[in-house]
Amino acid sequence: MWVRWFQQQVLSRIWLTFVVLGLSFIGFGVGSLNLFYLFQANARFLAENGLMAVFDGGLRQLVELLVIAYLSLLSYIVFKACEQRLSRWLTGP
């Protein structure tokens, strides 16, 4: 459903594909910046402080980090789709 819309509205327009490519590149970069270190720090916080860390928001922060990771993954997928479309356009027949 949204994939078809994306193909019809974005990938069919080269200029819009290029704009979305740039935005998704920025989204992936921002979303994945230091994500590994934040996961590591959160896991250490939860492991060292146990149940008190859960009450202090450690579990909520872990869920937020997972959401950011999946949004970053979605940005990467959009980036790769736009990259493929632009590559096919540039190297066309």
N, C-alpha and C. Protein backbone atom coordinates (compact mmCIF):
# COMPACT_ATOMS: atom_id res chain seq x y z
N MET A 1 0.83 -1.17 0.00
CA MET A 1 0.00 0.00 0.00
C MET A 1 0.88 1.24 0.00
N TRP A 2 1.70 1.49 1.03
CA TRP A 2 2.57 2.66 1.02
C TRP A 2 3.74 2.47 0.08
N VAL A 3 4.09 1.20 -0.20
CA VAL A 3 5.18 0.92 -1.13
C VAL A 3 4.77 1.37 -2.53
N ARG A 4 3.56 1.06 -2.92
CA ARG A 4 3.06 1.47 -4.23
C ARG A 4 3.03 2.99 -4.34
N TRP A 5 2.58 3.67 -3.28
CA TRP A 5 2.56 5.12 -3.27
C TRP A 5 3.97 5.66 -3.44
N PHE A 6 4.93 5.08 -2.70
CA PHE A 6 6.32 5.51 -2.78
C PHE A 6 6.86 5.33 -4.20
N GLN A 7 6.55 4.23 -4.81
CA GLN A 7 7.01 3.98 -6.19
C GLN A 7 6.40 4.97 -7.17
N GLN A 8 5.10 5.22 -7.03
CA GLN A 8 4.42 6.10 -7.97
C GLN A 8 4.77 7.57 -7.76
N GLN A 9 4.87 7.99 -6.51
CA GLN A 9 5.07 9.41 -6.22
C GLN A 9 6.53 9.84 -6.15
N VAL A 10 7.38 8.99 -5.63
CA VAL A 10 8.78 9.38 -5.42
C VAL A 10 9.68 8.82 -6.51
N LEU A 11 9.68 7.52 -6.70
CA LEU A 11 10.63 6.90 -7.62
C LEU A 11 10.34 7.22 -9.09
N SER A 12 9.16 7.72 -9.38
CA SER A 12 8.86 8.07 -10.77
C SER A 12 9.36 9.48 -11.12
N ARG A 13 9.76 10.25 -10.15
CA ARG A 13 10.29 11.60 -10.37
C ARG A 13 11.76 11.62 -9.94
N ILE A 14 12.65 11.81 -10.88
CA ILE A 14 14.08 11.75 -10.60
C ILE A 14 14.49 12.81 -9.58
N TRP A 15 14.01 14.03 -9.72
CA TRP A 15 14.39 15.09 -8.80
C TRP A 15 13.94 14.79 -7.38
N LEU A 16 12.71 14.25 -7.24
CA LEU A 16 12.20 13.92 -5.92
C LEU A 16 12.94 12.72 -5.34
N THR A 17 13.31 11.78 -6.20
CA THR A 17 14.10 10.64 -5.75
C THR A 17 15.42 11.12 -5.18
N PHE A 18 16.05 12.10 -5.83
CA PHE A 18 17.31 12.64 -5.35
C PHE A 18 17.14 13.35 -4.01
N VAL A 19 16.07 14.10 -3.86
CA VAL A 19 15.80 14.80 -2.60
C VAL A 19 15.56 13.80 -1.48
N VAL A 20 14.74 12.78 -1.74
CA VAL A 20 14.46 11.76 -0.73
C VAL A 20 15.72 10.97 -0.40
N LEU A 21 16.56 10.73 -1.40
CA LEU A 21 17.84 10.06 -1.18
C LEU A 21 18.67 10.84 -0.16
N GLY A 22 18.78 12.12 -0.34
CA GLY A 22 19.54 12.95 0.60
C GLY A 22 18.94 12.98 1.99
N LEU A 23 17.63 13.11 2.07
CA LEU A 23 16.97 13.13 3.38
C LEU A 23 17.11 11.80 4.11
N SER A 24 16.99 10.70 3.36
CA SER A 24 17.13 9.40 4.01
C SER A 24 18.57 9.14 4.43
N PHE A 25 19.54 9.67 3.67
CA PHE A 25 20.94 9.56 4.05
C PHE A 25 21.19 10.29 5.37
N ILE A 26 20.64 11.49 5.48
CA ILE A 26 20.77 12.26 6.73
C ILE A 26 20.06 11.55 7.87
N GLY A 27 18.86 11.03 7.61
CA GLY A 27 18.11 10.31 8.64
C GLY A 27 18.85 9.08 9.14
N PHE A 28 19.45 8.34 8.22
CA PHE A 28 20.22 7.16 8.61
C PHE A 28 21.44 7.57 9.44
N GLY A 29 22.11 8.63 9.01
CA GLY A 29 23.30 9.08 9.74
C GLY A 29 22.97 9.55 11.15
N VAL A 30 21.94 10.35 11.28
CA VAL A 30 21.55 10.85 12.59
C VAL A 30 21.04 9.72 13.47
N GLY A 31 20.26 8.82 12.88
CA GLY A 31 19.69 7.73 13.66
C GLY A 31 20.70 6.72 14.13
N SER A 32 21.75 6.52 13.37
CA SER A 32 22.72 5.49 13.73
C SER A 32 23.95 6.05 14.44
N LEU A 33 24.05 7.35 14.54
CA LEU A 33 25.19 7.99 15.19
C LEU A 33 25.26 7.57 16.66
N ASN A 34 26.33 6.93 17.02
CA ASN A 34 26.58 6.48 18.40
C ASN A 34 25.53 5.52 18.95
N LEU A 35 24.74 4.92 18.08
CA LEU A 35 23.69 4.02 18.55
C LEU A 35 24.27 2.82 19.29
N PHE A 36 25.36 2.29 18.80
CA PHE A 36 26.01 1.15 19.46
C PHE A 36 26.45 1.52 20.87
N TYR A 37 27.04 2.69 21.03
CA TYR A 37 27.52 3.12 22.35
C TYR A 37 26.36 3.38 23.30
N LEU A 38 25.27 3.91 22.78
CA LEU A 38 24.10 4.14 23.63
C LEU A 38 23.48 2.82 24.09
N PHE A 39 23.40 1.83 23.19
CA PHE A 39 22.91 0.50 23.57
C PHE A 39 23.81 -0.11 24.64
N GLN A 40 25.11 0.01 24.44
CA GLN A 40 26.07 -0.55 25.39
C GLN A 40 25.94 0.13 26.76
N ALA A 41 25.82 1.44 26.78
CA ALA A 41 25.68 2.16 28.04
C ALA A 41 24.37 1.81 28.73
N ASN A 42 23.30 1.68 27.95
CA ASN A 42 22.00 1.32 28.53
C ASN A 42 22.04 -0.08 29.11
N ALA A 43 22.65 -1.03 28.41
CA ALA A 43 22.75 -2.40 28.91
C ALA A 43 23.58 -2.43 30.19
N ARG A 44 24.66 -1.67 30.23
CA ARG A 44 25.49 -1.62 31.42
C ARG A 44 24.71 -1.01 32.59
N PHE A 45 23.96 0.05 32.32
CA PHE A 45 23.13 0.70 33.35
C PHE A 45 22.11 -0.28 33.92
N LEU A 46 21.43 -1.00 33.02
CA LEU A 46 20.43 -1.97 33.48
C LEU A 46 21.09 -3.11 34.25
N ALA A 47 22.24 -3.58 33.79
CA ALA A 47 22.91 -4.70 34.45
C ALA A 47 23.45 -4.31 35.83
N GLU A 48 23.99 -3.10 35.94
CA GLU A 48 24.59 -2.67 37.21
C GLU A 48 23.56 -2.27 38.25
N ASN A 49 22.44 -1.73 37.82
CA ASN A 49 21.47 -1.19 38.77
C ASN A 49 20.19 -2.00 38.89
N GLY A 50 20.02 -2.99 38.06
CA GLY A 50 18.89 -3.91 38.17
C GLY A 50 17.53 -3.25 38.11
N LEU A 51 16.69 -3.60 39.07
CA LEU A 51 15.31 -3.14 39.09
C LEU A 51 15.22 -1.62 39.28
N MET A 52 16.16 -1.06 40.01
CA MET A 52 16.15 0.40 40.19
C MET A 52 16.35 1.11 38.86
N ALA A 53 17.15 0.55 37.98
CA ALA A 53 17.36 1.14 36.65
C ALA A 53 16.08 1.10 35.83
N VAL A 54 15.31 0.03 35.99
CA VAL A 54 14.03 -0.07 35.28
C VAL A 54 13.09 1.04 35.76
N PHE A 55 13.05 1.26 37.07
CA PHE A 55 12.19 2.32 37.61
C PHE A 55 12.69 3.72 37.23
N ASP A 56 13.98 3.85 37.01
CA ASP A 56 14.55 5.14 36.62
C ASP A 56 14.45 5.41 35.12
N GLY A 57 13.83 4.52 34.37
CA GLY A 57 13.60 4.75 32.96
C GLY A 57 14.55 4.02 32.03
N GLY A 58 15.34 3.11 32.56
CA GLY A 58 16.28 2.37 31.73
C GLY A 58 15.60 1.50 30.70
N LEU A 59 14.49 0.89 31.07
CA LEU A 59 13.76 0.04 30.13
C LEU A 59 13.08 0.88 29.04
N ARG A 60 12.55 2.02 29.45
CA ARG A 60 11.93 2.93 28.47
C ARG A 60 12.97 3.43 27.47
N GLN A 61 14.15 3.75 27.99
CA GLN A 61 15.22 4.21 27.11
C GLN A 61 15.65 3.11 26.14
N LEU A 62 15.66 1.87 26.60
CA LEU A 62 16.00 0.76 25.72
C LEU A 62 14.98 0.63 24.59
N VAL A 63 13.71 0.77 24.90
CA VAL A 63 12.66 0.71 23.88
C VAL A 63 12.82 1.88 22.90
N GLU A 64 13.12 3.06 23.41
CA GLU A 64 13.33 4.22 22.53
C GLU A 64 14.53 3.99 21.61
N LEU A 65 15.59 3.39 22.12
CA LEU A 65 16.75 3.10 21.28
C LEU A 65 16.40 2.09 20.19
N LEU A 66 15.57 1.11 20.52
CA LEU A 66 15.13 0.14 19.51
C LEU A 66 14.30 0.80 18.43
N VAL A 67 13.43 1.72 18.81
CA VAL A 67 12.62 2.46 17.83
C VAL A 67 13.53 3.28 16.92
N ILE A 68 14.51 3.96 17.50
CA ILE A 68 15.45 4.75 16.70
C ILE A 68 16.22 3.85 15.75
N ALA A 69 16.61 2.67 16.22
CA ALA A 69 17.34 1.73 15.37
C ALA A 69 16.49 1.29 14.18
N TYR A 70 15.22 1.00 14.41
CA TYR A 70 14.36 0.58 13.31
C TYR A 70 14.04 1.73 12.36
N LEU A 71 13.90 2.94 12.87
CA LEU A 71 13.71 4.10 12.00
C LEU A 71 14.95 4.35 11.16
N SER A 72 16.10 4.14 11.75
CA SER A 72 17.36 4.27 11.01
C SER A 72 17.44 3.21 9.92
N LEU A 73 17.02 2.00 10.23
CA LEU A 73 16.99 0.93 9.23
C LEU A 73 16.03 1.26 8.10
N LEU A 74 14.88 1.81 8.43
CA LEU A 74 13.92 2.23 7.40
C LEU A 74 14.52 3.32 6.51
N SER A 75 15.23 4.25 7.10
CA SER A 75 15.90 5.30 6.31
C SER A 75 16.93 4.69 5.37
N TYR A 76 17.64 3.68 5.84
CA TYR A 76 18.64 3.02 5.00
C TYR A 76 17.97 2.31 3.82
N ILE A 77 16.85 1.66 4.07
CA ILE A 77 16.13 0.96 3.00
C ILE A 77 15.63 1.95 1.95
N VAL A 78 15.09 3.08 2.40
CA VAL A 78 14.63 4.11 1.47
C VAL A 78 15.83 4.65 0.68
N PHE A 79 16.95 4.87 1.36
CA PHE A 79 18.17 5.33 0.70
C PHE A 79 18.58 4.36 -0.41
N LYS A 80 18.60 3.07 -0.11
CA LYS A 80 19.03 2.07 -1.09
C LYS A 80 18.05 2.00 -2.28
N ALA A 81 16.76 2.15 -2.03
CA ALA A 81 15.78 2.14 -3.12
C ALA A 81 15.99 3.34 -4.04
N CYS A 82 16.21 4.50 -3.45
CA CYS A 82 16.46 5.71 -4.25
C CYS A 82 17.78 5.59 -5.00
N GLU A 83 18.79 5.04 -4.34
CA GLU A 83 20.09 4.86 -4.99
C GLU A 83 19.97 3.94 -6.20
N GLN A 84 19.23 2.86 -6.04
CA GLN A 84 19.06 1.92 -7.16
C GLN A 84 18.33 2.59 -8.32
N ARG A 85 17.30 3.34 -8.02
CA ARG A 85 16.53 4.03 -9.07
C ARG A 85 17.40 5.03 -9.81
N LEU A 86 18.18 5.82 -9.07
CA LEU A 86 19.03 6.81 -9.71
C LEU A 86 20.16 6.14 -10.50
N SER A 87 20.68 5.04 -9.99
CA SER A 87 21.74 4.31 -10.71
C SER A 87 21.21 3.77 -12.02
N ARG A 88 20.00 3.22 -12.00
CA ARG A 88 19.40 2.71 -13.25
C ARG A 88 19.15 3.86 -14.23
N TRP A 89 18.75 5.01 -13.72
CA TRP A 89 18.50 6.16 -14.59
C TRP A 89 19.80 6.65 -15.23
N LEU A 90 20.86 6.73 -14.41
CA LEU A 90 22.14 7.23 -14.92
C LEU A 90 22.81 6.28 -15.90
N THR A 91 22.65 4.99 -15.67
CA THR A 91 23.34 4.00 -16.51
C THR A 91 22.40 3.38 -17.53
N GLY A 92 21.25 4.00 -17.75
CA GLY A 92 20.21 3.48 -18.65
C GLY A 92 20.72 2.92 -19.96
N PRO A 93 19.83 2.50 -20.81
CA PRO A 93 20.20 1.81 -22.05
C PRO A 93 21.02 2.64 -23.02
